[in-house]
Protein backbone atom coordinates (compact mmCIF):
# COMPACT_ATOMS: atom_id res chain seq x y z
CA UNK A 1 32.34 0.93 161.33
CA UNK A 2 35.19 -1.53 160.83
CA UNK A 3 33.21 -3.07 157.95
CA UNK A 4 33.28 0.30 156.14
CA UNK A 5 37.07 0.38 156.45
CA UNK A 6 37.32 -3.19 155.19
CA UNK A 7 35.14 -2.29 152.19
CA UNK A 8 37.35 0.75 151.54
CA UNK A 9 40.47 -1.44 151.67
CA UNK A 10 38.97 -3.89 149.20
CA UNK A 11 37.87 -1.07 146.90
CA UNK A 12 41.37 0.45 146.87
CA UNK A 13 42.86 -2.99 146.18
CA UNK A 14 40.47 -3.78 143.34
CA UNK A 15 40.41 -0.22 141.93
CA UNK A 16 43.73 1.35 142.92
CA UNK A 17 44.06 5.10 142.57
CA UNK A 18 47.15 6.56 140.89
CA UNK A 19 48.25 3.09 139.81
CA UNK A 20 50.87 2.75 137.10
CA UNK A 21 54.10 4.52 136.24
CA UNK A 22 54.95 8.03 135.10
CA UNK A 23 57.04 8.94 132.10
CA UNK A 24 60.04 11.08 133.05
CA UNK A 25 59.40 11.26 136.80
CA UNK A 26 61.55 13.45 139.01
CA UNK A 27 61.59 10.68 141.62
CA UNK A 28 61.44 6.91 141.26
CA UNK A 29 62.01 4.67 144.22
CA UNK A 30 61.26 1.01 144.78
CA UNK A 31 61.53 -1.28 147.78
CA UNK A 32 60.20 -4.59 148.93
CA UNK A 33 59.35 -6.26 152.18
CA UNK A 34 61.58 -9.34 152.26
CA UNK A 35 59.45 -11.04 154.92
CA UNK A 36 56.32 -11.25 152.78
CA UNK A 37 57.43 -10.32 149.25
CA UNK A 38 55.35 -7.14 148.92
CA UNK A 39 56.94 -4.74 146.45
CA UNK A 40 56.09 -1.11 145.69
CA UNK A 41 57.51 1.42 143.26
CA UNK A 42 56.55 5.09 143.49
CA UNK A 43 57.03 7.65 140.71
CA UNK A 44 56.67 11.35 141.46
CA UNK A 45 56.60 14.35 139.17
CA UNK A 46 57.09 17.58 141.06
CA UNK A 47 55.71 20.97 140.14
CA UNK A 48 57.93 23.52 138.41
CA UNK A 49 59.28 24.91 141.68
CA UNK A 50 59.98 21.43 143.10
CA UNK A 51 57.91 21.97 146.24
CA UNK A 52 54.63 20.24 145.34
CA UNK A 53 53.63 16.81 144.06
CA UNK A 54 52.14 17.46 140.62
CA UNK A 55 51.67 13.78 139.70
CA UNK A 56 52.20 10.53 141.54
CA UNK A 57 51.82 6.87 140.67
CA UNK A 58 52.62 3.54 142.26
CA UNK A 59 53.02 0.03 140.97
CA UNK A 60 53.93 -3.26 142.54
CA UNK A 61 52.70 -6.56 143.82
CA UNK A 62 51.63 -7.75 147.20
CA UNK A 63 48.87 -8.34 149.64
CA UNK A 64 45.64 -6.39 149.90
CA UNK A 65 46.99 -4.30 152.78
CA UNK A 66 50.18 -3.16 151.03
CA UNK A 67 48.51 -2.34 147.73
CA UNK A 68 45.38 -0.72 149.18
CA UNK A 69 47.33 1.41 151.66
CA UNK A 70 49.64 2.56 148.84
CA UNK A 71 46.57 3.56 146.82
CA UNK A 72 45.14 5.46 149.80
CA UNK A 73 48.47 7.19 150.37
CA UNK A 74 48.81 8.24 146.72
CA UNK A 75 45.31 9.69 146.83
CA UNK A 76 46.16 11.55 150.04
CA UNK A 77 49.43 13.13 148.84
CA UNK A 78 48.56 14.04 145.24
CA UNK A 79 48.83 17.81 144.93
CA UNK A 80 50.29 18.31 148.41
CA UNK A 81 53.51 20.10 149.22
CA UNK A 82 56.66 18.06 149.75
CA UNK A 83 56.89 19.59 153.24
CA UNK A 84 53.42 18.29 154.12
CA UNK A 85 54.23 14.84 152.78
CA UNK A 86 57.41 14.73 154.85
CA UNK A 87 55.28 15.26 157.97
CA UNK A 88 53.18 12.15 157.36
CA UNK A 89 53.93 9.33 159.76
CA UNK A 90 52.97 5.75 160.44
CA UNK A 91 49.89 6.72 162.43
CA UNK A 92 48.55 8.78 159.51
CA UNK A 93 48.74 5.70 157.27
CA UNK A 94 47.30 3.39 159.92
CA UNK A 95 44.42 5.84 160.36
CA UNK A 96 43.80 5.70 156.59
CA UNK A 97 43.69 1.90 156.72
CA UNK A 98 41.32 2.07 159.66
CA UNK A 99 41.35 -1.54 160.82
CA UNK A 100 43.49 -3.22 163.49
CA UNK A 101 46.58 -4.88 162.02
CA UNK A 102 49.07 -7.42 163.32
CA UNK A 103 52.72 -6.35 163.55
CA UNK A 104 53.50 -8.11 160.26
CA UNK A 105 50.57 -6.39 158.53
CA UNK A 106 51.67 -2.98 159.86
CA UNK A 107 54.88 -3.41 157.83
CA UNK A 108 52.73 -4.16 154.78
CA UNK A 109 50.62 -1.05 155.35
CA UNK A 110 53.66 1.20 155.82
CA UNK A 111 55.65 0.04 152.78
CA UNK A 112 54.18 2.72 150.49
CA UNK A 113 55.03 5.48 152.97
CA UNK A 114 58.55 4.09 153.40
CA UNK A 115 59.11 4.06 149.63
CA UNK A 116 57.65 7.54 149.10
CA UNK A 117 59.64 9.13 151.92
CA UNK A 118 62.89 7.41 150.89
CA UNK A 119 62.44 8.66 147.32
CA UNK A 120 61.70 12.21 148.47
CA UNK A 121 64.64 12.15 150.88
CA UNK A 122 67.05 11.02 148.17
CA UNK A 123 65.71 13.66 145.76
CA UNK A 124 66.18 16.41 148.37
CA UNK A 125 69.73 15.24 149.12
CA UNK A 126 70.56 15.10 145.42
CA UNK A 127 69.13 18.58 144.87
CA UNK A 128 70.36 19.97 148.20
CA UNK A 129 66.97 21.24 149.36
CA UNK A 130 66.09 21.28 153.07
């Protein structure tokens, strides 16, 4: 079973989903992991009412784990409500990855979630939405 997850990781790394940038996004946020140099930027375009992710894209550089988990996350959240995305946690991402990770690799896997949530949080503060 673990081999299937490893194959999925490699596929997402070699063929990332929602990879690139969006023109005129509502949200753009970028962060890096200073320990390993992984870097991810997430662009989000919200639906007209601002409650749903209409389009999402990520870009960046880094290890297989950081880039593949970002791809998996983008695929998971595309079209979802902002409220549902806010409920995602580290275990959700680790379940997507599906293979045991060292503590350092967990940080790699969670970078995409950290960037997405920070961008959403800042957007909600700026637009005073709960």
